[in-house]
C-alpha atoms as a PDB file:
ATOM      1  CA  MET A   1     -49.086   3.741 -30.836  1.00  0.00           C
ATOM      2  CA  LYS A   2     -47.343   1.110 -32.773  1.00  0.00           C
ATOM      3  CA  LYS A   3     -44.358   3.237 -31.855  1.00  0.00           C
ATOM      4  CA  ILE A   4     -44.249   3.194 -28.484  1.00  0.00           C
ATOM      5  CA  VAL A   5     -44.912  -0.636 -28.293  1.00  0.00           C
ATOM      6  CA  ARG A   6     -41.989  -1.347 -30.530  1.00  0.00           C
ATOM      7  CA  LEU A   7     -39.944   1.336 -27.990  1.00  0.00           C
ATOM      8  CA  LEU A   8     -41.349   0.078 -24.450  1.00  0.00           C
ATOM      9  CA  LEU A   9     -39.753  -3.402 -25.972  1.00  0.00           C
ATOM     10  CA  VAL A  10     -37.068  -2.288 -27.162  1.00  0.00           C
ATOM     11  CA  PHE A  11     -35.976  -1.262 -23.945  1.00  0.00           C
ATOM     12  CA  ALA A  12     -37.767  -3.819 -22.318  1.00  0.00           C
ATOM     13  CA  ALA A  13     -34.934  -6.023 -24.258  1.00  0.00           C
ATOM     14  CA  VAL A  14     -32.287  -4.073 -23.423  1.00  0.00           C
ATOM     15  CA  MET A  15     -32.757  -3.285 -19.968  1.00  0.00           C
ATOM     16  CA  PRO A  16     -30.876  -7.042 -18.617  1.00  0.00           C
ATOM     17  CA  VAL A  17     -28.093  -5.976 -20.457  1.00  0.00           C
ATOM     18  CA  PHE A  18     -27.233  -3.020 -19.196  1.00  0.00           C
ATOM     19  CA  ALA A  19     -28.139  -4.049 -15.788  1.00  0.00           C
ATOM     20  CA  VAL A  20     -26.083  -7.457 -15.996  1.00  0.00           C
ATOM     21  CA  GLY A  21     -23.418  -4.875 -17.897  1.00  0.00           C
ATOM     22  CA  VAL A  22     -23.668  -2.258 -14.775  1.00  0.00           C
ATOM     23  CA  TRP A  23     -23.418  -5.612 -12.019  1.00  0.00           C
ATOM     24  CA  ALA A  24     -20.400  -6.836 -14.028  1.00  0.00           C
ATOM     25  CA  MET A  25     -17.940  -3.240 -14.282  1.00  0.00           C
ATOM     26  CA  GLU A  26     -19.436  -3.133  -9.957  1.00  0.00           C
ATOM     27  CA  THR A  27     -18.153  -6.445  -9.397  1.00  0.00           C
ATOM     28  CA  ALA A  28     -14.776  -5.164 -11.052  1.00  0.00           C
ATOM     29  CA  ALA A  29     -14.469  -2.441  -9.149  1.00  0.00           C
ATOM     30  CA  LYS A  30     -15.286  -3.844  -6.321  1.00  0.00           C
ATOM     31  CA  GLU A  31     -12.024  -6.980  -7.638  1.00  0.00           C
ATOM     32  CA  THR A  32     -10.292  -4.275  -8.762  1.00  0.00           C
ATOM     33  CA  ALA A  33      -9.655  -2.340  -5.198  1.00  0.00           C
ATOM     34  CA  ALA A  34      -9.154  -6.094  -3.039  1.00  0.00           C
ATOM     35  CA  ALA A  35      -6.005  -7.145  -6.047  1.00  0.00           C
ATOM     36  CA  LYS A  36      -3.421  -7.655  -5.363  1.00  0.00           C
ATOM     37  CA  GLU A  37      -0.658  -4.763  -5.822  1.00  0.00           C
ATOM     38  CA  PRO A  38       0.745  -6.799  -9.297  1.00  0.00           C
ATOM     39  CA  GLY A  39       4.357  -8.966  -9.895  1.00  0.00           C
ATOM     40  CA  CYS A  40       4.813  -8.761  -6.267  1.00  0.00           C
ATOM     41  CA  PRO A  41       7.797 -10.539  -4.287  1.00  0.00           C
ATOM     42  CA  LEU A  42       8.332 -13.026  -2.021  1.00  0.00           C
ATOM     43  CA  PRO A  43       9.478 -11.653   0.885  1.00  0.00           C
ATOM     44  CA  VAL A  44      12.652 -11.769   0.650  1.00  0.00           C
ATOM     45  CA  GLY A  45      14.919  -8.402   0.960  1.00  0.00           C
ATOM     46  CA  GLN A  46      16.487  -8.079  -2.556  1.00  0.00           C
ATOM     47  CA  ALA A  47      13.129  -9.854  -4.242  1.00  0.00           C
ATOM     48  CA  VAL A  48      11.238  -6.950  -1.960  1.00  0.00           C
ATOM     49  CA  LEU A  49      14.366  -4.422  -3.246  1.00  0.00           C
ATOM     50  CA  GLU A  50      14.518  -4.837  -6.769  1.00  0.00           C
ATOM     51  CA  TYR A  51      10.195  -4.840  -6.554  1.00  0.00           C
ATOM     52  CA  VAL A  52      10.699  -0.969  -5.086  1.00  0.00           C
ATOM     53  CA  THR A  53      13.492   0.568  -6.759  1.00  0.00           C
ATOM     54  CA  MET A  54      13.170  -0.987 -10.822  1.00  0.00           C
ATOM     55  CA  ILE A  55       9.993  -3.052 -11.188  1.00  0.00           C
ATOM     56  CA  ASN A  56       7.545  -0.289  -9.014  1.00  0.00           C
ATOM     57  CA  PRO A  57       9.222   1.951  -8.595  1.00  0.00           C
ATOM     58  CA  TYR A  58       7.874   3.645  -4.961  1.00  0.00           C
ATOM     59  CA  GLN A  59       8.835   7.812  -5.944  1.00  0.00           C
ATOM     60  CA  ASN A  60       5.822   6.564  -8.477  1.00  0.00           C
ATOM     61  CA  TRP A  61       3.452   5.519  -5.687  1.00  0.00           C
ATOM     62  CA  ASN A  62       1.167   8.638  -3.901  1.00  0.00           C
ATOM     63  CA  LEU A  63       2.491  10.125  -0.624  1.00  0.00           C
ATOM     64  CA  TRP A  64       1.060   9.058   2.789  1.00  0.00           C
ATOM     65  CA  PRO A  65      -3.265  11.173   2.458  1.00  0.00           C
ATOM     66  CA  GLY A  66      -1.363  14.614   4.045  1.00  0.00           C
ATOM     67  CA  LYS A  67       2.114  14.598   4.648  1.00  0.00           C
ATOM     68  CA  GLU A  68       4.044  15.778   2.657  1.00  0.00           C
ATOM     69  CA  ASN A  69       7.544  15.917   1.224  1.00  0.00           C
ATOM     70  CA  LEU A  70      10.187  15.965   3.954  1.00  0.00           C
ATOM     71  CA  TYR A  71       8.302  16.555   7.347  1.00  0.00           C
ATOM     72  CA  PRO A  72       9.336  15.940  10.578  1.00  0.00           C
ATOM     73  CA  GLY A  73       9.892  12.610  12.522  1.00  0.00           C
ATOM     74  CA  GLN A  74      11.725  11.146  14.693  1.00  0.00           C
ATOM     75  CA  HIS A  75      14.231   8.362  16.050  1.00  0.00           C
ATOM     76  CA  PRO A  76      15.335   5.672  14.419  1.00  0.00           C
ATOM     77  CA  HIS A  77      13.899   6.951  11.232  1.00  0.00           C
ATOM     78  CA  GLY A  78      15.254  10.707  11.044  1.00  0.00           C
ATOM     79  CA  ALA A  79      14.992  13.901  11.492  1.00  0.00           C
ATOM     80  CA  TYR A  80      13.194  14.150   8.006  1.00  0.00           C
ATOM     81  CA  LEU A  81      11.021  11.519   6.642  1.00  0.00           C
ATOM     82  CA  THR A  82       8.829  11.206   2.596  1.00  0.00           C
ATOM     83  CA  THR A  83       6.800   8.673   3.238  1.00  0.00           C
ATOM     84  CA  TYR A  84       5.869   6.581  -0.256  1.00  0.00           C
ATOM     85  CA  VAL A  85       2.345   4.156  -0.187  1.00  0.00           C
ATOM     86  CA  SER A  86       1.551   2.107  -2.895  1.00  0.00           C
ATOM     87  CA  PRO A  87      -1.725   1.790  -3.877  1.00  0.00           C
ATOM     88  CA  LEU A  88      -3.097  -0.923  -2.383  1.00  0.00           C
ATOM     89  CA  ALA A  89      -1.839   0.855   0.761  1.00  0.00           C
ATOM     90  CA  PHE A  90      -3.047   5.050  -0.197  1.00  0.00           C
ATOM     91  CA  TYR A  91      -6.717   3.252  -1.112  1.00  0.00           C
ATOM     92  CA  ALA A  92      -6.817   1.366   2.034  1.00  0.00           C
ATOM     93  CA  ILE A  93      -5.374   4.383   3.801  1.00  0.00           C
ATOM     94  CA  GLU A  94      -7.919   6.706   2.102  1.00  0.00           C
ATOM     95  CA  GLY A  95     -10.887   4.575   2.846  1.00  0.00           C
ATOM     96  CA  HIS A  96      -9.733   3.945   6.611  1.00  0.00           C
ATOM     97  CA  ALA A  97     -10.563   0.414   5.906  1.00  0.00           C
ATOM     98  CA  GLY A  98      -8.990  -0.779   9.002  1.00  0.00           C
ATOM     99  CA  GLU A  99      -4.981  -2.814   8.132  1.00  0.00           C
ATOM    100  CA  ILE A 100      -3.639  -2.510   4.835  1.00  0.00           C
ATOM    101  CA  PRO A 101      -3.507  -5.245   3.250  1.00  0.00           C
ATOM    102  CA  ASP A 102      -1.706  -8.508   2.327  1.00  0.00           C
ATOM    103  CA  THR A 103       0.516  -7.029  -0.479  1.00  0.00           C
ATOM    104  CA  ALA A 104       0.533  -3.416   0.084  1.00  0.00           C
ATOM    105  CA  PHE A 105       4.141  -1.468   0.737  1.00  0.00           C
ATOM    106  CA  ILE A 106       4.813   1.247   2.613  1.00  0.00           C
ATOM    107  CA  VAL A 107       7.945   2.269   2.076  1.00  0.00           C
ATOM    108  CA  LYS A 108      10.010   5.554   4.391  1.00  0.00           C
ATOM    109  CA  GLU A 109      12.750   7.864   2.978  1.00  0.00           C
ATOM    110  CA  ASN A 110      14.761   8.412   6.240  1.00  0.00           C
ATOM    111  CA  TYR A 111      16.989  11.658   6.110  1.00  0.00           C
ATOM    112  CA  THR A 112      19.246  13.301   8.863  1.00  0.00           C
ATOM    113  CA  ALA A 113      19.232  16.569   9.903  1.00  0.00           C
ATOM    114  CA  GLU A 114      20.851  18.491   6.751  1.00  0.00           C
ATOM    115  CA  LYS A 115      18.593  17.440   4.559  1.00  0.00           C
ATOM    116  CA  GLU A 116      20.115  13.189   3.469  1.00  0.00           C
ATOM    117  CA  LEU A 117      19.239  10.507   3.023  1.00  0.00           C
ATOM    118  CA  ALA A 118      20.337   8.670   5.173  1.00  0.00           C
ATOM    119  CA  ALA A 119      18.557   5.159   5.247  1.00  0.00           C
ATOM    120  CA  VAL A 120      14.676   3.772   3.522  1.00  0.00           C
ATOM    121  CA  THR A 121      12.679   0.909   5.335  1.00  0.00           C
ATOM    122  CA  VAL A 122      10.001  -1.043   3.783  1.00  0.00           C
ATOM    123  CA  MET A 123       7.376  -2.709   5.313  1.00  0.00           C
ATOM    124  CA  TYR A 124       4.904  -5.338   2.957  1.00  0.00           C
ATOM    125  CA  LYS A 125       2.645  -6.868   3.713  1.00  0.00           C
ATOM    126  CA  VAL A 126       2.340 -10.661   3.088  1.00  0.00           C
ATOM    127  CA  LYS A 127      -0.396 -12.930   4.376  1.00  0.00           C
ATOM    128  CA  ASP A 128       0.666 -15.221   7.402  1.00  0.00           C
ATOM    129  CA  TYR A 129       4.577 -13.557   6.884  1.00  0.00           C
ATOM    130  CA  ASN A 130       4.684 -13.148  10.631  1.00  0.00           C
ATOM    131  CA  PRO A 131       1.024 -12.887  12.268  1.00  0.00           C
ATOM    132  CA  GLU A 132       2.415 -12.555  15.420  1.00  0.00           C
ATOM    133  CA  ALA A 133       3.790  -8.899  14.184  1.00  0.00           C
ATOM    134  CA  GLY A 134       1.619  -7.867  11.485  1.00  0.00           C
ATOM    135  CA  ASP A 135       1.649 -10.735   9.000  1.00  0.00           C
ATOM    136  CA  TRP A 136       4.802  -7.098   7.666  1.00  0.00           C
ATOM    137  CA  PHE A 137       7.541  -7.909   5.352  1.00  0.00           C
ATOM    138  CA  TRP A 138      10.660  -5.311   6.903  1.00  0.00           C
ATOM    139  CA  LEU A 139      13.522  -4.060   5.019  1.00  0.00           C
ATOM    140  CA  LYS A 140      16.477  -2.124   5.481  1.00  0.00           C
ATOM    141  CA  TYR A 141      18.160  -0.323   3.060  1.00  0.00           C
ATOM    142  CA  THR A 142      20.890   1.716   2.272  1.00  0.00           C
ATOM    143  CA  PRO A 143      21.152   4.722  -0.650  1.00  0.00           C
ATOM    144  CA  ASP A 144      23.929   2.718  -2.612  1.00  0.00           C
ATOM    145  CA  GLY A 145      21.065  -0.229  -1.854  1.00  0.00           C
ATOM    146  CA  LYS A 146      23.419  -2.040   0.452  1.00  0.00           C
ATOM    147  CA  ILE A 147      20.949  -4.178   2.097  1.00  0.00           C
ATOM    148  CA  ALA A 148      20.915  -3.436   6.727  1.00  0.00           C
ATOM    149  CA  ALA A 149      17.855  -5.816   7.683  1.00  0.00           C
ATOM    150  CA  GLU A 150      15.607  -7.873   6.261  1.00  0.00           C
ATOM    151  CA  GLY A 151      12.921  -9.811   7.341  1.00  0.00           C
ATOM    152  CA  LYS A 152      11.538 -10.887  11.449  1.00  0.00           C
ATOM    153  CA  VAL A 153      13.462  -7.711  12.024  1.00  0.00           C
ATOM    154  CA  ALA A 154      13.253  -7.458  16.138  1.00  0.00           C
ATOM    155  CA  ASP A 155      14.205  -4.184  16.661  1.00  0.00           C
ATOM    156  CA  CYS A 156      10.882  -2.865  13.976  1.00  0.00           C
ATOM    157  CA  ILE A 157       8.941  -5.024  15.385  1.00  0.00           C
ATOM    158  CA  GLY A 158      10.220  -4.526  18.174  1.00  0.00           C
ATOM    159  CA  CYS A 159       9.424  -0.508  18.320  1.00  0.00           C
ATOM    160  CA  HIS A 160       5.786  -1.211  16.186  1.00  0.00           C
ATOM    161  CA  THR A 161       4.477  -2.838  19.133  1.00  0.00           C
ATOM    162  CA  ALA A 162       3.368   0.226  20.010  1.00  0.00           C
ATOM    163  CA  GLY A 163       0.682   1.017  16.927  1.00  0.00           C
ATOM    164  CA  GLU A 164      -0.081  -2.872  16.693  1.00  0.00           C
ATOM    165  CA  GLU A 165      -4.212  -0.730  17.100  1.00  0.00           C
ATOM    166  CA  ASN A 166      -3.514   0.664  13.891  1.00  0.00           C
ATOM    167  CA  ASP A 167      -1.595  -1.706  11.965  1.00  0.00           C
ATOM    168  CA  TRP A 168       1.777  -1.315  13.541  1.00  0.00           C
ATOM    169  CA  LEU A 169       1.807   1.761  11.378  1.00  0.00           C
ATOM    170  CA  PHE A 170       2.489   5.276  13.543  1.00  0.00           C
ATOM    171  CA  THR A 171       2.280   8.067   9.743  1.00  0.00           C
ATOM    172  CA  GLY A 172      -1.346   8.993  10.385  1.00  0.00           C
ATOM    173  CA  PRO A 173      -4.565   7.030  11.184  1.00  0.00           C
ATOM    174  CA  ILE A 174      -5.942   3.869   9.200  1.00  0.00           C
ATOM    175  CA  LYS A 175      -9.251   3.870  11.080  1.00  0.00           C
END
């Protein structure tokens, strides 16, 4: 009987610690999911270009869920596309979050009909950057790294307005 009482006392003493540990792990997981991408750049073309090519290379990210390399594209992006998403964007798309979170990236490689890389386009979500256009910072650069357009690009915004209900995106649904 004494062994059972001791066991119950130990269990009673350990259980609150265990419960707090589970709560802490769940909280950490939620905070990680809501975290920002590491070391995010300012919304400036060169800083974003360096981030997605050198600091946190986009080619190490997941492809847009359900898309493969070189899927058929359309003007103005190209005959073929490959779309990469940063971890935050990936989890938002997979979870049907309805919008891409702050500091997430979408990087699209734009290919010719001959499957040659023509340009890379980047959408970078920056809180309060441009609320009228979904807070997206836009960047387009050539395969040799020259910036062709950056910032609040009128052509990008004008086209992507048609996808406003899907957080300004066309590649696939996020809801």
